[in-house]
Amino acid sequence: MRAVLDRTKRNWWKSAVFYQIYPRSFQDTNGDGLGDLPGILRHLDYLEELGIDGIWLSPVYDSPQVDNGYDISDYRGIWPPFGTLSDMETLIREADRRGIAIIMDLVLNHSSDRHFWFREALKSRDNPFHDYYVWADGTPDSPPNDMRAAFGGSAWTWVPGLQQFFFHQFAPEQPDLNWENPALRRELYDMIRFWVDKGIGGFRLDVIDQVGKEPLKGITKNGPRLHELIRELSREAFREEGLVTVGECWGADLDHARQYSNPDGSELSMVFQFEHIQLDSVPGATKWDLAPLSLPALKRCFERWQHGLFGQGWNSLFLDNHDLPRIVSRWGDDGRYRVQSAKMLAIMLHGMQGTPYIYQGEELGMTNIRLPLEEYQDVETKDAWRSCLARGFPEEKAMEAIHARSRDNARTPMQWSDAPFAGFSTVSPWLPVNPNYHEINAQAALADPDSVFHCYRRLIALRRQYPVFRDGSFTLLEPDSEQLFVYTRDTDAEHLLVVCNFTASSVPFHRPAAFAGAQLLLSNYGEPLDTLRPFEAQLFYTRKETC
């Protein structure tokens, strides 16, 4: 039986591994083609076997689903197709019984335009809820400035009845909340306490680096009062000792990240930063402007964050999530070497300092999907098609970008078995199942001791067993190699060596002398040779007072 972390202890999450669930694509139990809360409950034993300590649950709140739940109309209610509040309480309770915390996804930057607050705000400028949102005077043909929304178009929408614009960084149906209003902040803190009282283990805070916005000055991320506001949020709403909080911060640099994850606990537990995940796009362009990944640049990026937060903050480690394409298709080889490259990427990431996050299906080596344009559901993808064509992309190039980067790549239904619809549902699901589910599915992975799933399970167990994973310093070796990613992790007594071949070619490699007699903890090929095989990864351990 696996050891369970004591979540009442400070910083328990430094030894934890989390698993992200995208509820509408995890498991359908009522035959409507959408995943639901009872579907998550059905697979808790699977997650317990994997060994994870917490589930990051993408939004399950009531919502019109313009942006798949990131447009919340009731922060205390559950979207009916997902289930009921009672289902949520059962999930919290049953997960806790297995030593698994539920981490809710909390959207505090904006709400749905169907939220009671916004419907009231539209009634008049004098309505108490009007100031819950960000407004600016103007005329219909002259918005306050030229700021653009992330999903296309102006970030300002005109309301004729009020003779004002409201601000939205995403879809017009997602108006931004005004964090300068103390009454709004109190409402949000009360709502958070509602969920904490139900036993929630923590929160992932969506685009939290944007709540200090000053849109009339063109400022969205990292506004001047941002950290002051987050410290108040932490003080008022995150009081429990074991509560884990992680901020999604696309605009984070090291200085901001050190403040977000200050070891004194004044802000958040840890931070999602995205520098590494933007290295295969054209610098200064959009994510749809594809560029080859430079391995030396990737290594320098990880090195900077490993050094920059060592003893001064805490990293979140991730390669996949609901907003990103499948990593094995992106930086690995989703054909001949799918299994080997999926394991290599896992070993590369989990050897570093930080808290790893596994996105559903990553532990199976699930891959990107190639859909015809009309079958994509994601609002961002639909806007990308229009925007790529407007910028002069040929249709073939626009589709290449969508196939590579669409968020729907990560949102196809979880592949549970080779049964119809991959065992996700008994009917055609909301988004097509990847056709490769006959070969790539959880049932097959559980039965194969050499599967990607069992590689992740071993990595999670190793992180629990050896303190060096949590505490060791990071030293990059072979910094200029275009093929190898090699690093050590070191405490006074324990030492790890992580060796990864990022290519489909064999590469000569000789271990450092200090690791000549080291124990091989994990490999995706078996016993090492003098040459690293395609996408080979090796994890060595030695215990010495000096190394």
Protein backbone atom coordinates (compact mmCIF):
# COMPACT_ATOMS: atom_id res chain seq x y z
CA MET A 1 0.00 0.00 0.00
CA ARG A 2 1.39 3.41 -0.97
CA ALA A 3 2.37 5.95 1.66
CA VAL A 4 -0.04 8.89 1.89
CA LEU A 5 1.26 12.42 2.41
CA ASP A 6 0.09 14.28 5.50
CA ARG A 7 -1.71 17.28 4.00
CA THR A 8 -1.91 19.08 7.33
CA LYS A 9 1.85 19.61 7.21
CA ARG A 10 3.34 22.79 5.81
CA ASN A 11 4.72 22.39 2.28
CA TRP A 12 3.44 18.82 1.88
CA TRP A 13 2.97 19.61 -1.80
CA LYS A 14 6.73 19.75 -2.34
CA SER A 15 6.71 15.96 -2.21
CA ALA A 16 3.47 15.59 -4.20
CA VAL A 17 2.54 14.80 -7.78
CA PHE A 18 -0.73 16.20 -9.17
CA TYR A 19 -2.93 14.97 -12.01
CA GLN A 20 -5.09 17.30 -14.07
CA ILE A 21 -8.56 16.19 -15.11
CA TYR A 22 -10.53 17.92 -17.88
CA PRO A 23 -13.97 16.77 -16.72
CA ARG A 24 -15.89 16.88 -20.01
CA SER A 25 -13.32 14.51 -21.57
CA PHE A 26 -12.55 12.11 -18.70
CA GLN A 27 -15.51 9.69 -18.40
CA ASP A 28 -19.17 9.86 -19.42
CA THR A 29 -21.46 7.81 -17.17
CA ASN A 30 -24.92 8.91 -18.34
CA GLY A 31 -24.63 8.57 -22.11
CA ASP A 32 -24.77 12.22 -23.12
CA GLY A 33 -21.29 12.29 -24.70
CA LEU A 34 -19.87 14.52 -21.95
CA GLY A 35 -17.70 13.51 -19.03
CA ASP A 36 -19.08 14.04 -15.53
CA LEU A 37 -18.24 13.93 -11.83
CA PRO A 38 -19.44 10.33 -11.35
CA GLY A 39 -17.03 9.44 -14.16
CA ILE A 40 -14.12 10.80 -12.15
CA LEU A 41 -15.34 8.88 -9.13
CA ARG A 42 -15.34 5.70 -11.23
CA HIS A 43 -11.61 6.01 -11.92
CA LEU A 44 -10.26 7.05 -8.52
CA ASP A 45 -8.78 3.58 -8.04
CA TYR A 46 -6.89 3.99 -11.33
CA LEU A 47 -5.44 7.27 -10.09
CA GLU A 48 -4.59 5.74 -6.74
CA GLU A 49 -2.68 2.99 -8.55
CA LEU A 50 -0.80 5.63 -10.55
CA GLY A 51 0.22 7.06 -7.18
CA ILE A 52 -0.81 10.71 -7.48
CA ASP A 53 -1.46 12.89 -4.44
CA GLY A 54 -3.92 15.41 -5.83
CA ILE A 55 -6.31 16.09 -8.69
CA TRP A 56 -6.37 19.49 -10.35
CA LEU A 57 -9.95 19.63 -11.56
CA SER A 58 -10.64 22.02 -14.46
CA PRO A 59 -13.77 24.12 -13.82
CA VAL A 60 -16.94 22.24 -12.91
CA TYR A 61 -18.95 25.32 -11.86
CA ASP A 62 -22.20 26.29 -13.54
CA SER A 63 -21.40 27.96 -16.85
CA PRO A 64 -22.76 28.71 -20.34
CA GLN A 65 -19.60 26.93 -21.59
CA VAL A 66 -18.53 29.59 -24.08
CA ASP A 67 -14.94 28.75 -23.03
CA ASN A 68 -15.56 25.24 -21.68
CA GLY A 69 -16.25 26.33 -18.12
CA TYR A 70 -13.73 29.15 -17.79
CA ASP A 71 -16.76 31.45 -18.00
CA ILE A 72 -18.43 30.92 -14.61
CA SER A 73 -22.03 31.95 -14.00
CA ASP A 74 -22.29 30.51 -10.46
CA TYR A 75 -19.17 29.92 -8.40
CA ARG A 76 -21.05 27.82 -5.83
CA GLY A 77 -23.00 25.63 -8.24
CA ILE A 78 -22.10 22.69 -10.47
CA TRP A 79 -22.84 22.65 -14.21
CA PRO A 80 -25.80 20.21 -14.42
CA PRO A 81 -24.30 17.98 -17.18
CA PHE A 82 -21.36 17.34 -14.83
CA GLY A 83 -23.61 16.42 -11.89
CA THR A 84 -24.69 17.99 -8.63
CA LEU A 85 -23.14 19.59 -5.59
CA SER A 86 -23.77 16.30 -3.81
CA ASP A 87 -21.70 14.52 -6.49
CA MET A 88 -18.90 17.01 -5.86
CA GLU A 89 -19.04 16.41 -2.11
CA THR A 90 -18.88 12.65 -2.72
CA LEU A 91 -15.85 13.08 -4.98
CA ILE A 92 -14.04 15.18 -2.37
CA ARG A 93 -14.79 12.61 0.32
CA GLU A 94 -13.87 9.52 -1.73
CA ALA A 95 -10.68 11.08 -3.07
CA ASP A 96 -9.64 12.03 0.46
CA ARG A 97 -10.23 8.44 1.58
CA ARG A 98 -7.57 7.42 -0.94
CA GLY A 99 -5.15 10.15 0.15
CA ILE A 100 -5.92 12.34 -2.88
CA ALA A 101 -6.64 16.06 -2.54
CA ILE A 102 -9.04 17.84 -4.91
CA ILE A 103 -7.58 21.09 -6.26
CA MET A 104 -10.28 23.24 -7.86
CA ASP A 105 -9.66 25.51 -10.83
CA LEU A 106 -10.61 29.02 -9.75
CA VAL A 107 -11.26 31.78 -12.30
CA LEU A 108 -10.97 35.09 -10.45
CA ASN A 109 -10.00 37.38 -13.32
CA HIS A 110 -13.38 37.29 -15.06
CA SER A 111 -16.85 35.79 -14.84
CA SER A 112 -19.48 34.82 -17.36
CA ASP A 113 -21.72 37.56 -18.70
CA ARG A 114 -24.56 35.36 -17.40
CA HIS A 115 -23.41 35.75 -13.81
CA PHE A 116 -25.89 37.52 -11.55
CA TRP A 117 -23.31 40.22 -10.87
CA PHE A 118 -22.94 41.15 -14.53
CA ARG A 119 -26.66 40.98 -15.27
CA GLU A 120 -27.14 43.44 -12.43
CA ALA A 121 -24.20 45.55 -13.63
CA LEU A 122 -25.93 46.03 -16.99
CA LYS A 123 -29.00 47.60 -15.39
CA SER A 124 -27.49 50.99 -14.57
CA ARG A 125 -24.30 52.79 -13.66
CA ASP A 126 -25.70 53.26 -10.16
CA ASN A 127 -26.28 49.55 -9.54
CA PRO A 128 -24.03 48.31 -6.69
CA PHE A 129 -22.76 45.50 -8.95
CA HIS A 130 -21.79 47.81 -11.80
CA ASP A 131 -18.40 48.46 -10.23
CA TYR A 132 -17.71 44.72 -9.97
CA TYR A 133 -16.53 45.00 -13.59
CA VAL A 134 -14.19 47.24 -15.59
CA TRP A 135 -15.92 50.04 -17.53
CA ALA A 136 -14.86 53.00 -19.64
CA ASP A 137 -16.76 55.84 -21.25
CA GLY A 138 -16.59 56.46 -24.95
CA THR A 139 -18.58 56.37 -28.16
CA PRO A 140 -19.58 53.27 -30.12
CA ASP A 141 -16.98 53.81 -32.82
CA SER A 142 -14.16 54.89 -30.51
CA PRO A 143 -13.08 52.36 -27.85
CA PRO A 144 -10.79 53.61 -25.05
CA ASN A 145 -7.69 52.10 -26.70
CA ASP A 146 -6.65 49.49 -29.23
CA MET A 147 -6.20 46.57 -26.82
CA ARG A 148 -7.07 43.19 -28.38
CA ALA A 149 -8.76 40.22 -26.73
CA ALA A 150 -6.97 36.87 -26.59
CA PHE A 151 -9.67 35.22 -28.69
CA GLY A 152 -9.73 37.97 -31.32
CA GLY A 153 -11.30 41.39 -31.76
CA SER A 154 -11.28 44.39 -29.48
CA ALA A 155 -10.95 43.89 -25.72
CA TRP A 156 -13.74 46.46 -25.30
CA THR A 157 -17.45 45.82 -25.93
CA TRP A 158 -20.00 48.65 -26.18
CA VAL A 159 -23.20 48.58 -24.10
CA PRO A 160 -25.69 51.03 -25.68
CA GLY A 161 -27.95 51.20 -22.63
CA LEU A 162 -25.08 52.40 -20.43
CA GLN A 163 -23.17 54.34 -23.06
CA GLN A 164 -20.03 52.56 -21.83
CA PHE A 165 -17.57 49.88 -22.84
CA PHE A 166 -16.75 46.90 -20.63
CA PHE A 167 -13.34 45.25 -20.72
CA HIS A 168 -12.70 41.58 -21.48
CA GLN A 169 -9.32 39.97 -22.06
CA PHE A 170 -10.91 36.85 -23.52
CA ALA A 171 -14.35 36.37 -25.13
CA PRO A 172 -16.95 39.18 -24.85
CA GLU A 173 -18.96 36.69 -22.77
CA GLN A 174 -16.14 36.79 -20.18
CA PRO A 175 -16.15 40.31 -18.70
CA ASP A 176 -13.17 41.12 -16.49
CA LEU A 177 -13.75 41.58 -12.77
CA ASN A 178 -12.66 44.82 -11.11
CA TRP A 179 -10.27 43.87 -8.32
CA GLU A 180 -10.06 47.50 -7.23
CA ASN A 181 -13.53 47.02 -5.68
CA PRO A 182 -13.26 45.77 -2.06
CA ALA A 183 -16.85 44.49 -2.11
CA LEU A 184 -16.04 42.23 -5.07
CA ARG A 185 -12.95 40.90 -3.34
CA ARG A 186 -14.98 40.07 -0.21
CA GLU A 187 -17.47 38.14 -2.36
CA LEU A 188 -14.64 36.14 -3.89
CA TYR A 189 -13.04 35.39 -0.52
CA ASP A 190 -16.39 34.22 0.90
CA MET A 191 -16.86 31.93 -2.09
CA ILE A 192 -13.40 30.42 -1.60
CA ARG A 193 -14.18 29.76 2.06
CA PHE A 194 -17.36 27.97 0.93
CA TRP A 195 -15.24 25.42 -0.96
CA VAL A 196 -12.53 25.16 1.69
CA ASP A 197 -15.23 24.28 4.22
CA LYS A 198 -16.28 21.42 1.94
CA GLY A 199 -12.82 19.90 2.16
CA ILE A 200 -11.11 21.22 -0.96
CA GLY A 201 -7.33 20.77 -0.77
CA GLY A 202 -6.44 23.89 -2.70
CA PHE A 203 -6.85 25.91 -5.87
CA ARG A 204 -5.26 26.46 -9.24
CA LEU A 205 -5.73 30.16 -9.97
CA ASP A 206 -6.48 30.85 -13.62
CA VAL A 207 -4.54 33.80 -15.19
CA ILE A 208 -4.05 35.22 -11.68
CA ASP A 209 -1.29 37.54 -12.93
CA GLN A 210 -4.01 39.58 -14.68
CA VAL A 211 -6.13 40.60 -11.68
CA GLY A 212 -3.99 43.71 -11.11
CA LYS A 213 -4.82 45.02 -14.58
CA GLU A 214 -4.99 48.70 -15.54
CA PRO A 215 -6.52 48.47 -19.02
CA LEU A 216 -6.78 52.19 -19.66
CA LYS A 217 -2.98 52.21 -19.38
CA GLY A 218 -2.66 49.09 -21.53
CA ILE A 219 -1.56 46.95 -18.56
CA THR A 220 -2.96 43.43 -18.17
CA LYS A 221 -0.27 41.19 -16.64
CA ASN A 222 1.87 42.15 -13.64
CA GLY A 223 0.03 45.35 -12.76
CA PRO A 224 1.54 47.62 -10.07
CA ARG A 225 -0.79 46.37 -7.30
CA LEU A 226 -0.77 42.72 -8.33
CA HIS A 227 1.30 41.31 -5.47
CA GLU A 228 -0.46 43.47 -2.91
CA LEU A 229 -3.79 42.01 -4.07
CA ILE A 230 -2.50 38.43 -4.03
CA ARG A 231 -1.13 38.84 -0.52
CA GLU A 232 -4.56 40.00 0.62
CA LEU A 233 -6.17 37.04 -1.17
CA SER A 234 -3.80 34.66 0.58
CA ARG A 235 -4.33 36.28 3.97
CA GLU A 236 -8.13 36.38 3.75
CA ALA A 237 -8.97 33.16 1.88
CA PHE A 238 -6.06 30.71 2.11
CA ARG A 239 -5.57 30.48 5.85
CA GLU A 240 -5.40 26.69 6.33
CA GLU A 241 -1.88 25.36 6.87
CA GLY A 242 -2.06 22.58 4.25
CA LEU A 243 -3.95 24.43 1.49
CA VAL A 244 -2.05 24.33 -1.81
CA THR A 245 -2.33 27.21 -4.28
CA VAL A 246 -0.78 27.44 -7.73
CA GLY A 247 -0.97 30.50 -9.94
CA GLU A 248 -1.22 30.36 -13.72
CA CYS A 249 1.08 33.23 -14.74
CA TRP A 250 1.86 33.51 -18.45
CA GLY A 251 3.66 36.78 -17.76
CA ALA A 252 5.85 35.52 -14.90
CA ASP A 253 9.57 36.16 -14.89
CA LEU A 254 11.88 35.02 -12.10
CA ASP A 255 11.44 38.16 -10.03
CA HIS A 256 7.65 37.86 -10.05
CA ALA A 257 7.80 34.09 -9.53
CA ARG A 258 9.90 34.52 -6.39
CA GLN A 259 7.19 36.79 -5.01
CA TYR A 260 4.33 34.45 -5.99
CA SER A 261 6.01 31.43 -4.37
CA ASN A 262 7.88 33.15 -1.54
CA PRO A 263 8.77 30.49 1.06
CA ASP A 264 7.22 32.68 3.75
CA GLY A 265 3.80 31.68 2.34
CA SER A 266 2.63 35.27 1.93
CA GLU A 267 1.29 34.68 -1.59
CA LEU A 268 0.96 31.25 -3.27
CA SER A 269 2.51 27.82 -2.93
CA MET A 270 3.92 27.70 -6.47
CA VAL A 271 3.61 29.15 -9.93
CA PHE A 272 2.92 27.91 -13.46
CA GLN A 273 5.25 29.82 -15.76
CA PHE A 274 5.30 29.21 -19.50
CA GLU A 275 8.68 30.32 -20.80
CA HIS A 276 9.76 26.80 -21.77
CA ILE A 277 6.52 26.01 -23.54
CA GLN A 278 6.83 29.00 -25.89
CA LEU A 279 10.29 28.15 -27.26
CA ASP A 280 8.99 26.42 -30.41
CA SER A 281 7.11 29.47 -31.69
CA VAL A 282 8.59 32.36 -33.65
CA PRO A 283 9.88 34.92 -31.08
CA GLY A 284 7.58 37.91 -30.79
CA ALA A 285 4.86 36.26 -32.87
CA THR A 286 1.88 34.07 -31.93
CA LYS A 287 1.80 30.44 -30.88
CA TRP A 288 0.52 29.63 -34.38
CA ASP A 289 3.84 30.78 -35.91
CA LEU A 290 5.68 27.49 -35.61
CA ALA A 291 9.43 27.18 -35.13
CA PRO A 292 11.70 24.19 -34.42
CA LEU A 293 12.62 23.61 -30.79
CA SER A 294 16.20 24.46 -29.88
CA LEU A 295 17.30 21.90 -27.29
CA PRO A 296 20.13 24.15 -25.95
CA ALA A 297 17.56 26.95 -25.47
CA LEU A 298 15.20 24.56 -23.65
CA LYS A 299 18.00 23.44 -21.35
CA ARG A 300 19.05 27.00 -20.58
CA CYS A 301 15.45 27.86 -19.78
CA PHE A 302 15.02 24.97 -17.35
CA GLU A 303 18.43 25.72 -15.81
CA ARG A 304 17.47 29.37 -15.22
CA TRP A 305 14.26 28.41 -13.43
CA GLN A 306 15.85 25.58 -11.45
CA HIS A 307 18.58 27.92 -10.19
CA GLY A 308 16.37 30.99 -9.88
CA LEU A 309 13.81 29.44 -7.53
CA PHE A 310 16.17 27.17 -5.60
CA GLY A 311 15.65 28.09 -1.94
CA GLN A 312 13.68 31.19 -2.97
CA GLY A 313 10.44 29.81 -4.37
CA TRP A 314 8.95 26.70 -5.91
CA ASN A 315 8.57 25.40 -9.45
CA SER A 316 5.59 23.67 -11.02
CA LEU A 317 6.77 21.05 -13.51
CA PHE A 318 4.57 20.42 -16.55
CA LEU A 319 4.67 19.75 -20.28
CA ASP A 320 0.98 19.13 -20.99
CA ASN A 321 -2.30 20.72 -19.93
CA HIS A 322 -5.74 21.54 -21.31
CA ASP A 323 -4.35 24.59 -23.18
CA LEU A 324 -1.40 22.81 -24.82
CA PRO A 325 -0.94 20.17 -27.52
CA ARG A 326 0.20 16.69 -26.53
CA ILE A 327 3.89 16.77 -25.66
CA VAL A 328 4.78 13.43 -27.25
CA SER A 329 3.57 14.84 -30.58
CA ARG A 330 5.26 18.17 -29.94
CA TRP A 331 8.74 17.34 -28.65
CA GLY A 332 8.81 13.56 -28.95
CA ASP A 333 8.03 11.11 -31.72
CA ASP A 334 4.40 10.01 -31.79
CA GLY A 335 5.11 7.32 -34.39
CA ARG A 336 7.83 4.67 -34.18
CA TYR A 337 9.28 5.91 -30.88
CA ARG A 338 6.11 7.06 -29.16
CA VAL A 339 6.57 4.91 -26.05
CA GLN A 340 10.28 5.64 -25.72
CA SER A 341 9.95 9.39 -26.25
CA ALA A 342 6.94 9.68 -23.92
CA LYS A 343 8.98 8.00 -21.17
CA MET A 344 12.04 10.12 -21.93
CA LEU A 345 10.08 13.34 -21.58
CA ALA A 346 8.59 12.12 -18.31
CA ILE A 347 11.98 11.18 -16.83
CA MET A 348 13.51 14.48 -18.01
CA LEU A 349 10.81 16.52 -16.27
CA HIS A 350 10.27 14.50 -13.08
CA GLY A 351 13.97 14.51 -12.26
CA MET A 352 13.89 18.26 -11.61
CA GLN A 353 12.99 20.21 -8.49
CA GLY A 354 9.35 21.22 -8.29
CA THR A 355 5.88 19.73 -8.13
CA PRO A 356 5.01 17.69 -11.26
CA TYR A 357 1.61 17.91 -12.94
CA ILE A 358 0.45 15.08 -15.21
CA TYR A 359 -2.33 15.88 -17.65
CA GLN A 360 -4.93 13.16 -18.24
CA GLY A 361 -3.69 10.75 -20.92
CA GLU A 362 -0.08 11.97 -20.67
CA GLU A 363 0.58 8.85 -18.59
CA LEU A 364 -0.60 6.79 -21.58
CA GLY A 365 1.39 8.68 -24.20
CA MET A 366 -1.77 10.03 -25.85
CA THR A 367 -1.08 11.99 -29.05
CA ASN A 368 -2.39 14.96 -31.03
CA ILE A 369 -5.39 14.49 -33.31
CA ARG A 370 -5.86 15.80 -36.86
CA LEU A 371 -9.45 16.92 -37.42
CA PRO A 372 -11.14 18.68 -40.32
CA LEU A 373 -11.69 22.34 -39.51
CA GLU A 374 -15.44 21.97 -38.90
CA GLU A 375 -14.92 19.39 -36.13
CA TYR A 376 -12.84 21.64 -33.87
CA GLN A 377 -14.81 22.99 -30.91
CA ASP A 378 -12.32 25.34 -29.24
CA VAL A 379 -13.12 29.06 -29.44
CA GLU A 380 -9.42 29.93 -29.69
CA THR A 381 -8.87 27.50 -32.57
CA LYS A 382 -11.76 28.95 -34.56
CA ASP A 383 -10.38 32.44 -34.10
CA ALA A 384 -6.88 31.24 -35.05
CA TRP A 385 -8.16 30.02 -38.42
CA ARG A 386 -9.64 33.42 -39.20
CA SER A 387 -6.62 35.28 -37.91
CA CYS A 388 -4.09 33.10 -39.80
CA LEU A 389 -5.95 33.64 -43.08
CA ALA A 390 -6.21 37.38 -42.40
CA ARG A 391 -2.42 37.48 -41.91
CA GLY A 392 -1.88 35.84 -45.29
CA PHE A 393 -1.30 32.23 -44.27
CA PRO A 394 -2.17 29.77 -47.08
CA GLU A 395 -4.98 27.47 -45.93
CA GLU A 396 -2.58 24.52 -45.84
CA LYS A 397 -0.20 26.37 -43.52
CA ALA A 398 -3.08 27.53 -41.30
CA MET A 399 -4.29 23.95 -40.90
CA GLU A 400 -0.72 22.80 -40.16
CA ALA A 401 -0.61 25.30 -37.30
CA ILE A 402 -4.01 24.21 -35.98
CA HIS A 403 -3.08 20.53 -36.13
CA ALA A 404 0.10 21.30 -34.20
CA ARG A 405 -1.20 23.77 -31.61
CA SER A 406 -4.97 23.54 -31.17
CA ARG A 407 -6.10 23.20 -27.57
CA ASP A 408 -8.51 20.49 -28.74
CA ASN A 409 -5.48 18.19 -29.14
CA ALA A 410 -5.48 17.86 -25.34
CA ARG A 411 -9.26 17.74 -25.02
CA THR A 412 -10.13 14.61 -26.97
CA PRO A 413 -11.78 11.97 -24.77
CA MET A 414 -9.67 9.90 -22.42
CA GLN A 415 -8.78 6.55 -23.99
CA TRP A 416 -9.81 3.93 -21.46
CA SER A 417 -10.06 0.82 -23.63
CA ASP A 418 -10.42 -0.41 -27.21
CA ALA A 419 -14.21 -0.57 -26.80
CA PRO A 420 -16.33 1.78 -28.97
CA PHE A 421 -15.55 5.45 -28.28
CA ALA A 422 -12.48 4.30 -26.31
CA GLY A 423 -14.64 3.31 -23.35
CA PHE A 424 -15.24 7.00 -22.66
CA SER A 425 -18.92 6.91 -23.58
CA THR A 426 -21.60 4.69 -25.12
CA VAL A 427 -22.45 7.43 -27.66
CA SER A 428 -20.56 9.73 -29.99
CA PRO A 429 -18.75 12.17 -27.67
CA TRP A 430 -18.68 15.95 -27.77
CA LEU A 431 -15.24 15.86 -29.45
CA PRO A 432 -14.05 12.94 -31.61
CA VAL A 433 -11.95 10.22 -30.01
CA ASN A 434 -8.43 9.91 -31.40
CA PRO A 435 -8.56 6.95 -33.86
CA ASN A 436 -5.45 5.41 -32.28
CA TYR A 437 -7.39 4.42 -29.15
CA HIS A 438 -7.28 0.76 -30.21
CA GLU A 439 -3.54 0.77 -29.49
CA ILE A 440 -3.26 3.56 -26.91
CA ASN A 441 -5.57 3.05 -23.94
CA ALA A 442 -5.48 2.58 -20.18
CA GLN A 443 -6.63 -1.04 -20.23
CA ALA A 444 -3.66 -2.05 -22.40
CA ALA A 445 -1.26 0.14 -20.43
CA LEU A 446 -2.20 -1.37 -17.09
CA ALA A 447 -1.64 -4.86 -18.45
CA ASP A 448 1.81 -4.03 -19.90
CA PRO A 449 4.53 -3.70 -17.22
CA ASP A 450 6.69 -1.80 -19.74
CA SER A 451 4.02 0.79 -20.60
CA VAL A 452 4.23 4.57 -20.31
CA PHE A 453 1.75 4.33 -17.41
CA HIS A 454 4.07 2.15 -15.34
CA CYS A 455 7.01 4.45 -16.08
CA TYR A 456 5.03 7.34 -14.55
CA ARG A 457 4.00 5.15 -11.61
CA ARG A 458 7.66 4.32 -10.90
CA LEU A 459 8.71 7.97 -11.21
CA ILE A 460 6.08 9.01 -8.68
CA ALA A 461 7.22 6.31 -6.26
CA LEU A 462 10.89 7.30 -6.68
CA ARG A 463 10.13 10.94 -5.92
CA ARG A 464 8.52 9.80 -2.68
CA GLN A 465 11.42 7.51 -1.77
CA TYR A 466 14.44 9.75 -2.35
CA PRO A 467 14.62 13.24 -0.78
CA VAL A 468 17.11 14.41 -3.42
CA PHE A 469 14.22 14.82 -5.87
CA ARG A 470 12.75 17.44 -3.55
CA ASP A 471 15.87 19.04 -2.09
CA GLY A 472 18.75 18.62 -4.53
CA SER A 473 20.47 21.44 -6.41
CA PHE A 474 20.53 21.37 -10.22
CA THR A 475 23.65 21.25 -12.42
CA LEU A 476 23.34 21.19 -16.20
CA LEU A 477 25.87 19.09 -18.13
CA GLU A 478 26.40 19.09 -21.91
CA PRO A 479 24.81 22.56 -22.22
CA ASP A 480 25.56 23.01 -25.93
CA SER A 481 24.58 19.53 -27.11
CA GLU A 482 21.87 19.50 -29.77
CA GLN A 483 20.98 15.91 -28.84
CA LEU A 484 21.46 15.34 -25.11
CA PHE A 485 19.78 16.79 -22.03
CA VAL A 486 21.92 15.75 -19.04
CA TYR A 487 21.85 17.09 -15.51
CA THR A 488 22.57 16.17 -11.90
CA ARG A 489 20.64 16.79 -8.69
CA ASP A 490 22.72 16.91 -5.54
CA THR A 491 22.39 17.14 -1.79
CA ASP A 492 25.29 16.62 0.60
CA ALA A 493 24.61 12.88 0.62
CA GLU A 494 22.41 11.99 -2.36
CA HIS A 495 23.06 12.42 -6.08
CA LEU A 496 20.99 11.87 -9.21
CA LEU A 497 22.12 11.79 -12.82
CA VAL A 498 19.46 12.25 -15.50
CA VAL A 499 20.46 11.43 -19.09
CA CYS A 500 18.08 12.02 -22.02
CA ASN A 501 18.54 11.60 -25.75
CA PHE A 502 16.12 13.98 -27.48
CA THR A 503 16.65 12.47 -30.96
CA ALA A 504 15.75 9.43 -33.04
CA SER A 505 19.47 8.71 -33.56
CA SER A 506 21.96 6.83 -31.42
CA VAL A 507 24.36 9.10 -29.52
CA PRO A 508 27.61 8.12 -27.73
CA PHE A 509 27.65 9.02 -24.04
CA HIS A 510 29.95 8.24 -21.13
CA ARG A 511 28.75 8.73 -17.60
CA PRO A 512 30.68 11.09 -15.34
CA ALA A 513 33.22 9.19 -13.22
CA ALA A 514 31.34 10.08 -10.02
CA PHE A 515 28.42 7.95 -11.26
CA ALA A 516 30.49 5.00 -12.51
CA GLY A 517 29.06 2.65 -9.90
CA ALA A 518 25.71 4.33 -9.47
CA GLN A 519 22.43 2.45 -9.23
CA LEU A 520 20.17 2.59 -12.29
CA LEU A 521 16.80 3.64 -10.84
CA LEU A 522 14.90 3.83 -14.12
CA SER A 523 15.46 3.53 -17.85
CA ASN A 524 13.18 3.29 -20.86
CA TYR A 525 15.35 0.65 -22.52
CA GLY A 526 16.82 -1.46 -19.74
CA GLU A 527 20.52 -1.77 -18.97
CA PRO A 528 22.64 1.08 -20.39
CA LEU A 529 25.09 0.69 -23.27
CA ASP A 530 27.99 2.90 -24.35
CA THR A 531 25.62 4.50 -26.85
CA LEU A 532 22.27 6.06 -26.04
CA ARG A 533 19.53 4.59 -28.19
CA PRO A 534 16.80 6.74 -29.84
CA PHE A 535 14.99 8.77 -27.18
CA GLU A 536 16.71 6.81 -24.43
CA ALA A 537 16.49 8.11 -20.86
CA GLN A 538 18.43 6.93 -17.82
CA LEU A 539 18.11 7.87 -14.16
CA PHE A 540 21.03 7.00 -11.87
CA TYR A 541 21.37 7.34 -8.09
CA THR A 542 24.29 7.23 -5.75
CA ARG A 543 24.66 8.02 -2.08
CA LYS A 544 27.99 9.61 -1.17
CA GLU A 545 29.00 12.43 1.12
CA THR A 546 30.81 14.09 -1.76
CA CYS A 547 30.35 13.52 -5.47
